[in-house]
């Protein structure tokens, strides 16, 4: 797994950071706007934003006294692509298993007809 994916999955592992990302899906927000619905302080939100920023999931900018955060989608797309490969492999395995089970059932039916 690449370092970028490691950082992305680490950032996504925390439920508070996932809530922040969910909010940022709707658009840019100030740190205060992100902190308001959460049961943690604004400095704690800033620490979570730092982790998200280091993972490349969030971009921050300052405007006068306000600090804004916005979502960056590329790392999420990379994580989805990584997971999708596992999903594809599992789907192929399950498909082969389905074929084997169908063949076994058909053989059993044919044995029953011969008796």
PDB file of N, CA and C in Angstrom:
ATOM      1  N   UNK A   1       0.852  -1.167   0.000  1.00  0.00           N
ATOM      2  CA  UNK A   1       0.000   0.000   0.000  1.00  0.00           C
ATOM      3  C   UNK A   1       0.904   1.238   0.000  1.00  0.00           C
ATOM      4  N   UNK A   2       0.566   2.191  -0.820  1.00  0.00           N
ATOM      5  CA  UNK A   2       1.394   3.384  -0.905  1.00  0.00           C
ATOM      6  C   UNK A   2       1.267   4.216   0.368  1.00  0.00           C
ATOM      7  N   UNK A   3       2.236   5.079   0.589  1.00  0.00           N
ATOM      8  CA  UNK A   3       2.182   5.958   1.759  1.00  0.00           C
ATOM      9  C   UNK A   3       0.934   6.828   1.734  1.00  0.00           C
ATOM     10  N   UNK A   4       0.549   7.259   0.548  1.00  0.00           N
ATOM     11  CA  UNK A   4      -0.642   8.111   0.429  1.00  0.00           C
ATOM     12  C   UNK A   4      -1.898   7.340   0.872  1.00  0.00           C
ATOM     13  N   UNK A   5      -1.998   6.090   0.451  1.00  0.00           N
ATOM     14  CA  UNK A   5      -3.151   5.274   0.878  1.00  0.00           C
ATOM     15  C   UNK A   5      -3.119   5.030   2.378  1.00  0.00           C
ATOM     16  N   UNK A   6      -1.947   4.823   2.914  1.00  0.00           N
ATOM     17  CA  UNK A   6      -1.826   4.619   4.355  1.00  0.00           C
ATOM     18  C   UNK A   6      -2.352   5.842   5.101  1.00  0.00           C
ATOM     19  N   UNK A   7      -1.945   7.024   4.652  1.00  0.00           N
ATOM     20  CA  UNK A   7      -2.420   8.258   5.275  1.00  0.00           C
ATOM     21  C   UNK A   7      -3.932   8.421   5.106  1.00  0.00           C
ATOM     22  N   UNK A   8      -4.435   8.083   3.929  1.00  0.00           N
ATOM     23  CA  UNK A   8      -5.871   8.205   3.673  1.00  0.00           C
ATOM     24  C   UNK A   8      -6.656   7.280   4.593  1.00  0.00           C
ATOM     25  N   UNK A   9      -6.262   6.014   4.657  1.00  0.00           N
ATOM     26  CA  UNK A   9      -7.005   5.073   5.502  1.00  0.00           C
ATOM     27  C   UNK A   9      -6.870   5.421   6.984  1.00  0.00           C
ATOM     28  N   UNK A  10      -5.714   5.915   7.382  1.00  0.00           N
ATOM     29  CA  UNK A  10      -5.546   6.354   8.770  1.00  0.00           C
ATOM     30  C   UNK A  10      -6.505   7.498   9.068  1.00  0.00           C
ATOM     31  N   UNK A  11      -6.583   8.454   8.165  1.00  0.00           N
ATOM     32  CA  UNK A  11      -7.477   9.605   8.362  1.00  0.00           C
ATOM     33  C   UNK A  11      -8.934   9.157   8.401  1.00  0.00           C
ATOM     34  N   UNK A  12      -9.305   8.225   7.545  1.00  0.00           N
ATOM     35  CA  UNK A  12     -10.683   7.752   7.476  1.00  0.00           C
ATOM     36  C   UNK A  12     -11.061   6.857   8.658  1.00  0.00           C
ATOM     37  N   UNK A  13     -10.077   6.375   9.392  1.00  0.00           N
ATOM     38  CA  UNK A  13     -10.356   5.449  10.494  1.00  0.00           C
ATOM     39  C   UNK A  13     -11.079   6.124  11.658  1.00  0.00           C
ATOM     40  N   UNK A  14     -10.983   7.421  11.753  1.00  0.00           N
ATOM     41  CA  UNK A  14     -11.579   8.127  12.882  1.00  0.00           C
ATOM     42  C   UNK A  14     -12.986   8.638  12.534  1.00  0.00           C
ATOM     43  N   UNK A  15     -13.986   8.332  13.361  1.00  0.00           N
ATOM     44  CA  UNK A  15     -15.358   8.753  13.048  1.00  0.00           C
ATOM     45  C   UNK A  15     -15.540  10.271  13.021  1.00  0.00           C
ATOM     46  N   UNK A  16     -14.814  10.990  13.841  1.00  0.00           N
ATOM     47  CA  UNK A  16     -14.923  12.454  13.814  1.00  0.00           C
ATOM     48  C   UNK A  16     -14.420  13.002  12.491  1.00  0.00           C
ATOM     49  N   UNK A  17     -13.309  12.464  12.011  1.00  0.00           N
ATOM     50  CA  UNK A  17     -12.781  12.917  10.722  1.00  0.00           C
ATOM     51  C   UNK A  17     -13.731  12.560   9.588  1.00  0.00           C
ATOM     52  N   UNK A  18     -14.381  11.399   9.673  1.00  0.00           N
ATOM     53  CA  UNK A  18     -15.365  11.042   8.646  1.00  0.00           C
ATOM     54  C   UNK A  18     -16.543  12.016   8.669  1.00  0.00           C
ATOM     55  N   UNK A  19     -16.977  12.428   9.858  1.00  0.00           N
ATOM     56  CA  UNK A  19     -18.072  13.409   9.953  1.00  0.00           C
ATOM     57  C   UNK A  19     -17.661  14.746   9.338  1.00  0.00           C
ATOM     58  N   UNK A  20     -16.416  15.132   9.567  1.00  0.00           N
ATOM     59  CA  UNK A  20     -15.918  16.375   8.969  1.00  0.00           C
ATOM     60  C   UNK A  20     -15.948  16.262   7.456  1.00  0.00           C
ATOM     61  N   UNK A  21     -15.491  15.141   6.923  1.00  0.00           N
ATOM     62  CA  UNK A  21     -15.495  14.947   5.468  1.00  0.00           C
ATOM     63  C   UNK A  21     -16.925  14.947   4.922  1.00  0.00           C
ATOM     64  N   UNK A  22     -17.833  14.309   5.646  1.00  0.00           N
ATOM     65  CA  UNK A  22     -19.236  14.299   5.214  1.00  0.00           C
ATOM     66  C   UNK A  22     -19.773  15.719   5.122  1.00  0.00           C
ATOM     67  N   UNK A  23     -19.429  16.554   6.093  1.00  0.00           N
ATOM     68  CA  UNK A  23     -19.885  17.948   6.050  1.00  0.00           C
ATOM     69  C   UNK A  23     -19.246  18.681   4.865  1.00  0.00           C
ATOM     70  N   UNK A  24     -17.969  18.429   4.618  1.00  0.00           N
ATOM     71  CA  UNK A  24     -17.269  19.117   3.535  1.00  0.00           C
ATOM     72  C   UNK A  24     -17.746  18.681   2.153  1.00  0.00           C
ATOM     73  N   UNK A  25     -18.453  17.561   2.072  1.00  0.00           N
ATOM     74  CA  UNK A  25     -19.038  17.165   0.787  1.00  0.00           C
ATOM     75  C   UNK A  25     -20.031  18.209   0.307  1.00  0.00           C
ATOM     76  N   UNK A  26     -20.649  18.909   1.234  1.00  0.00           N
ATOM     77  CA  UNK A  26     -21.634  19.935   0.881  1.00  0.00           C
ATOM     78  C   UNK A  26     -20.972  21.249   0.486  1.00  0.00           C
ATOM     79  N   UNK A  27     -19.673  21.367   0.711  1.00  0.00           N
ATOM     80  CA  UNK A  27     -18.965  22.585   0.341  1.00  0.00           C
ATOM     81  C   UNK A  27     -18.024  23.062   1.431  1.00  0.00           C
ATOM     82  N   UNK A  28     -17.279  24.069   1.091  1.00  0.00           N
ATOM     83  CA  UNK A  28     -16.299  24.669   1.982  1.00  0.00           C
ATOM     84  C   UNK A  28     -16.957  25.116   3.288  1.00  0.00           C
ATOM     85  N   UNK A  29     -16.185  25.044   4.386  1.00  0.00           N
ATOM     86  CA  UNK A  29     -16.712  25.453   5.687  1.00  0.00           C
ATOM     87  C   UNK A  29     -15.583  26.027   6.533  1.00  0.00           C
ATOM     88  N   UNK A  30     -15.961  26.893   7.452  1.00  0.00           N
ATOM     89  CA  UNK A  30     -14.978  27.407   8.404  1.00  0.00           C
ATOM     90  C   UNK A  30     -14.754  26.348   9.475  1.00  0.00           C
ATOM     91  N   UNK A  31     -13.665  26.509  10.201  1.00  0.00           N
ATOM     92  CA  UNK A  31     -13.380  25.585  11.299  1.00  0.00           C
ATOM     93  C   UNK A  31     -14.521  25.645  12.319  1.00  0.00           C
ATOM     94  N   UNK A  32     -15.020  26.835  12.578  1.00  0.00           N
ATOM     95  CA  UNK A  32     -16.129  26.970  13.532  1.00  0.00           C
ATOM     96  C   UNK A  32     -17.379  26.246  13.038  1.00  0.00           C
ATOM     97  N   UNK A  33     -17.675  26.367  11.752  1.00  0.00           N
ATOM     98  CA  UNK A  33     -18.841  25.669  11.193  1.00  0.00           C
ATOM     99  C   UNK A  33     -18.681  24.159  11.307  1.00  0.00           C
ATOM    100  N   UNK A  34     -17.467  23.686  11.186  1.00  0.00           N
ATOM    101  CA  UNK A  34     -17.219  22.249  11.342  1.00  0.00           C
ATOM    102  C   UNK A  34     -17.324  21.824  12.805  1.00  0.00           C
ATOM    103  N   UNK A  35     -16.901  22.699  13.706  1.00  0.00           N
ATOM    104  CA  UNK A  35     -16.892  22.370  15.136  1.00  0.00           C
ATOM    105  C   UNK A  35     -18.292  22.419  15.751  1.00  0.00           C
ATOM    106  N   UNK A  36     -19.149  23.305  15.263  1.00  0.00           N
ATOM    107  CA  UNK A  36     -20.457  23.511  15.890  1.00  0.00           C
ATOM    108  C   UNK A  36     -21.259  22.236  16.134  1.00  0.00           C
ATOM    109  N   UNK A  37     -21.430  21.351  15.138  1.00  0.00           N
ATOM    110  CA  UNK A  37     -22.256  20.161  15.408  1.00  0.00           C
ATOM    111  C   UNK A  37     -21.518  19.029  16.136  1.00  0.00           C
ATOM    112  N   UNK A  38     -20.226  19.209  16.357  1.00  0.00           N
ATOM    113  CA  UNK A  38     -19.436  18.142  16.972  1.00  0.00           C
ATOM    114  C   UNK A  38     -19.294  18.351  18.479  1.00  0.00           C
ATOM    115  N   UNK A  39     -19.180  17.273  19.227  1.00  0.00           N
ATOM    116  CA  UNK A  39     -19.053  17.391  20.686  1.00  0.00           C
ATOM    117  C   UNK A  39     -17.600  17.609  21.128  1.00  0.00           C
ATOM    118  N   UNK A  40     -16.824  18.312  20.301  1.00  0.00           N
ATOM    119  CA  UNK A  40     -15.422  18.581  20.633  1.00  0.00           C
ATOM    120  C   UNK A  40     -15.127  20.058  20.393  1.00  0.00           C
ATOM    121  N   UNK A  41     -13.999  20.500  20.913  1.00  0.00           N
ATOM    122  CA  UNK A  41     -13.637  21.908  20.811  1.00  0.00           C
ATOM    123  C   UNK A  41     -13.116  22.267  19.419  1.00  0.00           C
ATOM    124  N   UNK A  42     -13.072  23.551  19.159  1.00  0.00           N
ATOM    125  CA  UNK A  42     -12.530  24.034  17.893  1.00  0.00           C
ATOM    126  C   UNK A  42     -11.050  23.638  17.726  1.00  0.00           C
ATOM    127  N   UNK A  43     -10.220  23.730  18.783  1.00  0.00           N
ATOM    128  CA  UNK A  43      -8.840  23.267  18.633  1.00  0.00           C
ATOM    129  C   UNK A  43      -8.743  21.774  18.293  1.00  0.00           C
ATOM    130  N   UNK A  44      -9.661  20.981  18.842  1.00  0.00           N
ATOM    131  CA  UNK A  44      -9.664  19.544  18.523  1.00  0.00           C
ATOM    132  C   UNK A  44     -10.023  19.332  17.058  1.00  0.00           C
ATOM    133  N   UNK A  45     -10.983  20.107  16.548  1.00  0.00           N
ATOM    134  CA  UNK A  45     -11.344  20.024  15.131  1.00  0.00           C
ATOM    135  C   UNK A  45     -10.141  20.407  14.280  1.00  0.00           C
ATOM    136  N   UNK A  46      -9.407  21.426  14.695  1.00  0.00           N
ATOM    137  CA  UNK A  46      -8.214  21.839  13.952  1.00  0.00           C
ATOM    138  C   UNK A  46      -7.189  20.718  13.887  1.00  0.00           C
ATOM    139  N   UNK A  47      -7.050  19.970  14.964  1.00  0.00           N
ATOM    140  CA  UNK A  47      -6.113  18.830  14.961  1.00  0.00           C
ATOM    141  C   UNK A  47      -6.580  17.759  13.984  1.00  0.00           C
ATOM    142  N   UNK A  48      -7.878  17.493  13.966  1.00  0.00           N
ATOM    143  CA  UNK A  48      -8.417  16.525  13.008  1.00  0.00           C
ATOM    144  C   UNK A  48      -8.211  17.023  11.577  1.00  0.00           C
ATOM    145  N   UNK A  49      -8.409  18.300  11.360  1.00  0.00           N
ATOM    146  CA  UNK A  49      -8.201  18.868  10.023  1.00  0.00           C
ATOM    147  C   UNK A  49      -6.748  18.728   9.585  1.00  0.00           C
ATOM    148  N   UNK A  50      -5.829  18.839  10.533  1.00  0.00           N
ATOM    149  CA  UNK A  50      -4.410  18.687  10.197  1.00  0.00           C
ATOM    150  C   UNK A  50      -4.136  17.269   9.681  1.00  0.00           C
ATOM    151  N   UNK A  51      -4.722  16.274  10.333  1.00  0.00           N
ATOM    152  CA  UNK A  51      -4.556  14.893   9.881  1.00  0.00           C
ATOM    153  C   UNK A  51      -5.151  14.725   8.480  1.00  0.00           C
ATOM    154  N   UNK A  52      -6.340  15.279   8.272  1.00  0.00           N
ATOM    155  CA  UNK A  52      -6.993  15.196   6.964  1.00  0.00           C
ATOM    156  C   UNK A  52      -6.184  15.926   5.897  1.00  0.00           C
ATOM    157  N   UNK A  53      -5.605  17.044   6.269  1.00  0.00           N
ATOM    158  CA  UNK A  53      -4.784  17.812   5.329  1.00  0.00           C
ATOM    159  C   UNK A  53      -3.503  17.048   4.977  1.00  0.00           C
ATOM    160  N   UNK A  54      -2.869  16.429   5.958  1.00  0.00           N
ATOM    161  CA  UNK A  54      -1.654  15.651   5.714  1.00  0.00           C
ATOM    162  C   UNK A  54      -1.940  14.463   4.792  1.00  0.00           C
ATOM    163  N   UNK A  55      -3.150  13.941   4.868  1.00  0.00           N
ATOM    164  CA  UNK A  55      -3.552  12.829   3.995  1.00  0.00           C
ATOM    165  C   UNK A  55      -3.963  13.327   2.613  1.00  0.00           C
ATOM    166  N   UNK A  56      -4.044  14.640   2.451  1.00  0.00           N
ATOM    167  CA  UNK A  56      -4.443  15.206   1.173  1.00  0.00           C
ATOM    168  C   UNK A  56      -5.940  15.236   0.951  1.00  0.00           C
ATOM    169  N   UNK A  57      -6.709  14.931   1.987  1.00  0.00           N
ATOM    170  CA  UNK A  57      -8.161  14.880   1.862  1.00  0.00           C
ATOM    171  C   UNK A  57      -8.820  16.249   2.005  1.00  0.00           C
ATOM    172  N   UNK A  58      -8.107  17.165   2.620  1.00  0.00           N
ATOM    173  CA  UNK A  58      -8.652  18.488   2.891  1.00  0.00           C
ATOM    174  C   UNK A  58      -7.622  19.537   2.506  1.00  0.00           C
ATOM    175  N   UNK A  59      -8.139  20.635   2.019  1.00  0.00           N
ATOM    176  CA  UNK A  59      -7.314  21.786   1.679  1.00  0.00           C
ATOM    177  C   UNK A  59      -7.781  22.929   2.575  1.00  0.00           C
ATOM    178  N   UNK A  60      -6.843  23.687   3.134  1.00  0.00           N
ATOM    179  CA  UNK A  60      -7.240  24.790   4.008  1.00  0.00           C
ATOM    180  C   UNK A  60      -6.709  26.104   3.466  1.00  0.00           C
ATOM    181  N   UNK A  61      -7.457  27.157   3.750  1.00  0.00           N
ATOM    182  CA  UNK A  61      -7.039  28.501   3.366  1.00  0.00           C
ATOM    183  C   UNK A  61      -7.507  29.480   4.426  1.00  0.00           C
ATOM    184  N   UNK A  62      -6.798  30.581   4.511  1.00  0.00           N
ATOM    185  CA  UNK A  62      -7.153  31.642   5.446  1.00  0.00           C
ATOM    186  C   UNK A  62      -7.663  32.840   4.672  1.00  0.00           C
ATOM    187  N   UNK A  63      -8.677  33.461   5.244  1.00  0.00           N
ATOM    188  CA  UNK A  63      -9.216  34.694   4.680  1.00  0.00           C
ATOM    189  C   UNK A  63      -9.509  35.620   5.853  1.00  0.00           C
ATOM    190  N   UNK A  64      -8.700  36.635   5.995  1.00  0.00           N
ATOM    191  CA  UNK A  64      -8.795  37.542   7.145  1.00  0.00           C
ATOM    192  C   UNK A  64      -8.683  36.713   8.429  1.00  0.00           C
ATOM    193  N   UNK A  65      -9.685  36.779   9.282  1.00  0.00           N
ATOM    194  CA  UNK A  65      -9.646  36.042  10.551  1.00  0.00           C
ATOM    195  C   UNK A  65     -10.243  34.638  10.449  1.00  0.00           C
ATOM    196  N   UNK A  66     -10.759  34.280   9.306  1.00  0.00           N
ATOM    197  CA  UNK A  66     -11.428  32.984   9.160  1.00  0.00           C
ATOM    198  C   UNK A  66     -10.515  31.964   8.487  1.00  0.00           C
ATOM    199  N   UNK A  67     -10.656  30.737   8.950  1.00  0.00           N
ATOM    200  CA  UNK A  67      -9.940  29.621   8.340  1.00  0.00           C
ATOM    201  C   UNK A  67     -10.964  28.684   7.708  1.00  0.00           C
ATOM    202  N   UNK A  68     -10.767  28.399   6.439  1.00  0.00           N
ATOM    203  CA  UNK A  68     -11.700  27.572   5.681  1.00  0.00           C
ATOM    204  C   UNK A  68     -11.068  26.230   5.335  1.00  0.00           C
ATOM    205  N   UNK A  69     -11.920  25.242   5.221  1.00  0.00           N
ATOM    206  CA  UNK A  69     -11.485  23.908   4.784  1.00  0.00           C
ATOM    207  C   UNK A  69     -12.390  23.468   3.647  1.00  0.00           C
ATOM    208  N   UNK A  70     -11.799  22.753   2.705  1.00  0.00           N
ATOM    209  CA  UNK A  70     -12.591  22.186   1.604  1.00  0.00           C
ATOM    210  C   UNK A  70     -12.073  20.782   1.305  1.00  0.00           C
ATOM    211  N   UNK A  71     -12.946  19.992   0.724  1.00  0.00           N
ATOM    212  CA  UNK A  71     -12.663  18.596   0.420  1.00  0.00           C
ATOM    213  C   UNK A  71     -11.838  18.478  -0.850  1.00  0.00           C
ATOM    214  N   UNK A  72     -10.857  17.583  -0.818  1.00  0.00           N
ATOM    215  CA  UNK A  72     -10.104  17.216  -2.016  1.00  0.00           C
ATOM    216  C   UNK A  72     -10.476  15.760  -2.311  1.00  0.00           C
ATOM    217  N   UNK A  73     -10.976  15.489  -3.485  1.00  0.00           N
ATOM    218  CA  UNK A  73     -11.549  14.175  -3.797  1.00  0.00           C
ATOM    219  C   UNK A  73     -10.554  13.146  -4.327  1.00  0.00           C
ATOM    220  N   UNK A  74      -9.435  13.576  -4.851  1.00  0.00           N
ATOM    221  CA  UNK A  74      -8.509  12.634  -5.487  1.00  0.00           C
ATOM    222  C   UNK A  74      -8.066  11.510  -4.549  1.00  0.00           C
ATOM    223  N   UNK A  75      -7.651  11.788  -3.317  1.00  0.00           N
ATOM    224  CA  UNK A  75      -7.252  10.675  -2.440  1.00  0.00           C
ATOM    225  C   UNK A  75      -8.395   9.697  -2.165  1.00  0.00           C
ATOM    226  N   UNK A  76      -9.628  10.208  -2.101  1.00  0.00           N
ATOM    227  CA  UNK A  76     -10.772   9.317  -1.898  1.00  0.00           C
ATOM    228  C   UNK A  76     -10.978   8.425  -3.115  1.00  0.00           C
ATOM    229  N   UNK A  77     -10.815   8.998  -4.304  1.00  0.00           N
ATOM    230  CA  UNK A  77     -10.938   8.190  -5.532  1.00  0.00           C
ATOM    231  C   UNK A  77      -9.872   7.103  -5.561  1.00  0.00           C
ATOM    232  N   UNK A  78      -8.659   7.432  -5.129  1.00  0.00           N
ATOM    233  CA  UNK A  78      -7.586   6.437  -5.088  1.00  0.00           C
ATOM    234  C   UNK A  78      -7.913   5.317  -4.104  1.00  0.00           C
ATOM    235  N   UNK A  79      -8.475   5.667  -2.957  1.00  0.00           N
ATOM    236  CA  UNK A  79      -8.853   4.650  -1.967  1.00  0.00           C
ATOM    237  C   UNK A  79      -9.970   3.764  -2.509  1.00  0.00           C
ATOM    238  N   UNK A  80     -10.941   4.367  -3.172  1.00  0.00           N
ATOM    239  CA  UNK A  80     -12.039   3.599  -3.765  1.00  0.00           C
ATOM    240  C   UNK A  80     -11.492   2.648  -4.832  1.00  0.00           C
ATOM    241  N   UNK A  81     -10.563   3.113  -5.652  1.00  0.00           N
ATOM    242  CA  UNK A  81      -9.973   2.261  -6.691  1.00  0.00           C
ATOM    243  C   UNK A  81      -9.246   1.083  -6.057  1.00  0.00           C
ATOM    244  N   UNK A  82      -8.528   1.329  -4.985  1.00  0.00           N
ATOM    245  CA  UNK A  82      -7.804   0.265  -4.281  1.00  0.00           C
ATOM    246  C   UNK A  82      -8.779  -0.784  -3.742  1.00  0.00           C
ATOM    247  N   UNK A  83      -9.828  -0.331  -3.073  1.00  0.00           N
ATOM    248  CA  UNK A  83     -10.816  -1.248  -2.499  1.00  0.00           C
ATOM    249  C   UNK A  83     -11.586  -1.960  -3.608  1.00  0.00           C
ATOM    250  N   UNK A  84     -11.843  -1.269  -4.704  1.00  0.00           N
ATOM    251  CA  UNK A  84     -12.590  -1.861  -5.814  1.00  0.00           C
ATOM    252  C   UNK A  84     -11.880  -3.074  -6.396  1.00  0.00           C
ATOM    253  N   UNK A  85     -10.561  -3.062  -6.390  1.00  0.00           N
ATOM    254  CA  UNK A  85      -9.817  -4.228  -6.876  1.00  0.00           C
ATOM    255  C   UNK A  85     -10.113  -5.454  -6.014  1.00  0.00           C
ATOM    256  N   UNK A  86     -10.190  -5.274  -4.711  1.00  0.00           N
ATOM    257  CA  UNK A  86     -10.533  -6.387  -3.830  1.00  0.00           C
ATOM    258  C   UNK A  86     -11.968  -6.830  -4.068  1.00  0.00           C
ATOM    259  N   UNK A  87     -12.850  -5.873  -4.243  1.00  0.00           N
ATOM    260  CA  UNK A  87     -14.251  -6.186  -4.505  1.00  0.00           C
ATOM    261  C   UNK A  87     -14.381  -7.008  -5.787  1.00  0.00           C
ATOM    262  N   UNK A  88     -13.682  -6.595  -6.836  1.00  0.00           N
ATOM    263  CA  UNK A  88     -13.723  -7.314  -8.108  1.00  0.00           C
ATOM    264  C   UNK A  88     -13.222  -8.748  -7.934  1.00  0.00           C
ATOM    265  N   UNK A  89     -12.107  -8.909  -7.225  1.00  0.00           N
ATOM    266  CA  UNK A  89     -11.544 -10.251  -7.019  1.00  0.00           C
ATOM    267  C   UNK A  89     -12.508 -11.131  -6.232  1.00  0.00           C
ATOM    268  N   UNK A  90     -13.149 -10.580  -5.203  1.00  0.00           N
ATOM    269  CA  UNK A  90     -14.100 -11.356  -4.423  1.00  0.00           C
ATOM    270  C   UNK A  90     -15.317 -11.727  -5.251  1.00  0.00           C
ATOM    271  N   UNK A  91     -15.795 -10.797  -6.074  1.00  0.00           N
ATOM    272  CA  UNK A  91     -16.951 -11.080  -6.925  1.00  0.00           C
ATOM    273  C   UNK A  91     -16.632 -12.215  -7.894  1.00  0.00           C
ATOM    274  N   UNK A  92     -15.430 -12.208  -8.452  1.00  0.00           N
ATOM    275  CA  UNK A  92     -15.032 -13.290  -9.356  1.00  0.00           C
ATOM    276  C   UNK A  92     -14.978 -14.620  -8.617  1.00  0.00           C
ATOM    277  N   UNK A  93     -14.441 -14.609  -7.393  1.00  0.00           N
ATOM    278  CA  UNK A  93     -14.379 -15.838  -6.597  1.00  0.00           C
ATOM    279  C   UNK A  93     -15.765 -16.365  -6.288  1.00  0.00           C
ATOM    280  N   UNK A  94     -16.665 -15.478  -5.895  1.00  0.00           N
ATOM    281  CA  UNK A  94     -18.036 -15.898  -5.590  1.00  0.00           C
ATOM    282  C   UNK A  94     -18.745 -16.412  -6.838  1.00  0.00           C
ATOM    283  N   UNK A  95     -18.464 -15.812  -7.975  1.00  0.00           N
ATOM    284  CA  UNK A  95     -19.068 -16.261  -9.224  1.00  0.00           C
ATOM    285  C   UNK A  95     -18.601 -17.682  -9.553  1.00  0.00           C
ATOM    286  N   UNK A  96     -17.309 -17.938  -9.380  1.00  0.00           N
ATOM    287  CA  UNK A  96     -16.785 -19.294  -9.626  1.00  0.00           C
ATOM    288  C   UNK A  96     -17.405 -20.287  -8.646  1.00  0.00           C
ATOM    289  N   UNK A  97     -17.554 -19.879  -7.393  1.00  0.00           N
ATOM    290  CA  UNK A  97     -18.170 -20.749  -6.395  1.00  0.00           C
ATOM    291  C   UNK A  97     -19.618 -21.046  -6.763  1.00  0.00           C
ATOM    292  N   UNK A  98     -20.351 -20.031  -7.217  1.00  0.00           N
ATOM    293  CA  UNK A  98     -21.733 -20.245  -7.667  1.00  0.00           C
ATOM    294  C   UNK A  98     -21.788 -21.273  -8.791  1.00  0.00           C
ATOM    295  N   UNK A  99     -20.864 -21.155  -9.750  1.00  0.00           N
ATOM    296  CA  UNK A  99     -20.825 -22.120 -10.858  1.00  0.00           C
ATOM    297  C   UNK A  99     -20.563 -23.529 -10.345  1.00  0.00           C
ATOM    298  N   UNK A 100     -19.619 -23.688  -9.418  1.00  0.00           N
ATOM    299  CA  UNK A 100     -19.323 -25.008  -8.854  1.00  0.00           C
ATOM    300  C   UNK A 100     -20.530 -25.582  -8.123  1.00  0.00           C
ATOM    301  N   UNK A 101     -21.208 -24.744  -7.362  1.00  0.00           N
ATOM    302  CA  UNK A 101     -22.383 -25.229  -6.627  1.00  0.00           C
ATOM    303  C   UNK A 101     -23.511 -25.619  -7.572  1.00  0.00           C
ATOM    304  N   UNK A 102     -23.713 -24.846  -8.624  1.00  0.00           N
ATOM    305  CA  UNK A 102     -24.741 -25.195  -9.607  1.00  0.00           C
ATOM    306  C   UNK A 102     -24.415 -26.530 -10.269  1.00  0.00           C
ATOM    307  N   UNK A 103     -23.142 -26.744 -10.602  1.00  0.00           N
ATOM    308  CA  UNK A 103     -22.726 -28.016 -11.197  1.00  0.00           C
ATOM    309  C   UNK A 103     -22.959 -29.167 -10.227  1.00  0.00           C
ATOM    310  N   UNK A 104     -22.649 -28.966  -8.956  1.00  0.00           N
ATOM    311  CA  UNK A 104     -22.826 -30.024  -7.954  1.00  0.00           C
ATOM    312  C   UNK A 104     -24.310 -30.363  -7.789  1.00  0.00           C
ATOM    313  N   UNK A 105     -25.150 -29.361  -7.770  1.00  0.00           N
ATOM    314  CA  UNK A 105     -26.597 -29.592  -7.644  1.00  0.00           C
ATOM    315  C   UNK A 105     -27.100 -30.352  -8.863  1.00  0.00           C
ATOM    316  N   UNK A 106     -26.654 -29.964 -10.040  1.00  0.00           N
ATOM    317  CA  UNK A 106     -27.077 -30.645 -11.270  1.00  0.00           C
ATOM    318  C   UNK A 106     -26.622 -32.113 -11.265  1.00  0.00           C
ATOM    319  N   UNK A 107     -25.411 -32.386 -10.807  1.00  0.00           N
ATOM    320  CA  UNK A 107     -24.923 -33.783 -10.729  1.00  0.00           C
ATOM    321  C   UNK A 107     -25.763 -34.596  -9.753  1.00  0.00           C
ATOM    322  N   UNK A 108     -26.130 -33.994  -8.637  1.00  0.00           N
ATOM    323  CA  UNK A 108     -26.961 -34.673  -7.657  1.00  0.00           C
ATOM    324  C   UNK A 108     -28.332 -34.997  -8.240  1.00  0.00           C
ATOM    325  N   UNK A 109     -28.901 -34.058  -8.985  1.00  0.00           N
ATOM    326  CA  UNK A 109     -30.194 -34.301  -9.625  1.00  0.00           C
ATOM    327  C   UNK A 109     -30.095 -35.454 -10.602  1.00  0.00           C
ATOM    328  N   UNK A 110     -29.022 -35.493 -11.375  1.00  0.00           N
ATOM    329  CA  UNK A 110     -28.856 -36.574 -12.377  1.00  0.00           C
ATOM    330  C   UNK A 110     -28.658 -37.916 -11.688  1.00  0.00           C
ATOM    331  N   UNK A 111     -27.957 -37.953 -10.575  1.00  0.00           N
ATOM    332  CA  UNK A 111     -27.786 -39.198  -9.812  1.00  0.00           C
ATOM    333  C   UNK A 111     -29.129 -39.688  -9.296  1.00  0.00           C
ATOM    334  N   UNK A 112     -29.949 -38.755  -8.833  1.00  0.00           N
ATOM    335  CA  UNK A 112     -31.265 -39.114  -8.316  1.00  0.00           C
ATOM    336  C   UNK A 112     -32.158 -39.686  -9.395  1.00  0.00           C
ATOM    337  N   UNK A 113     -32.029 -39.252 -10.618  1.00  0.00           N
ATOM    338  CA  UNK A 113     -32.836 -39.743 -11.732  1.00  0.00           C
ATOM    339  C   UNK A 113     -32.407 -41.154 -12.129  1.00  0.00           C
ATOM    340  N   UNK A 114     -31.134 -41.470 -11.953  1.00  0.00           N
ATOM    341  CA  UNK A 114     -30.614 -42.785 -12.332  1.00  0.00           C
ATOM    342  C   UNK A 114     -31.028 -43.854 -11.356  1.00  0.00           C
ATOM    343  N   UNK A 115     -31.366 -43.534 -10.161  1.00  0.00           N
ATOM    344  CA  UNK A 115     -31.692 -44.540  -9.140  1.00  0.00           C
ATOM    345  C   UNK A 115     -33.025 -45.127  -9.338  1.00  0.00           C
TER     346      UNK A 115
END
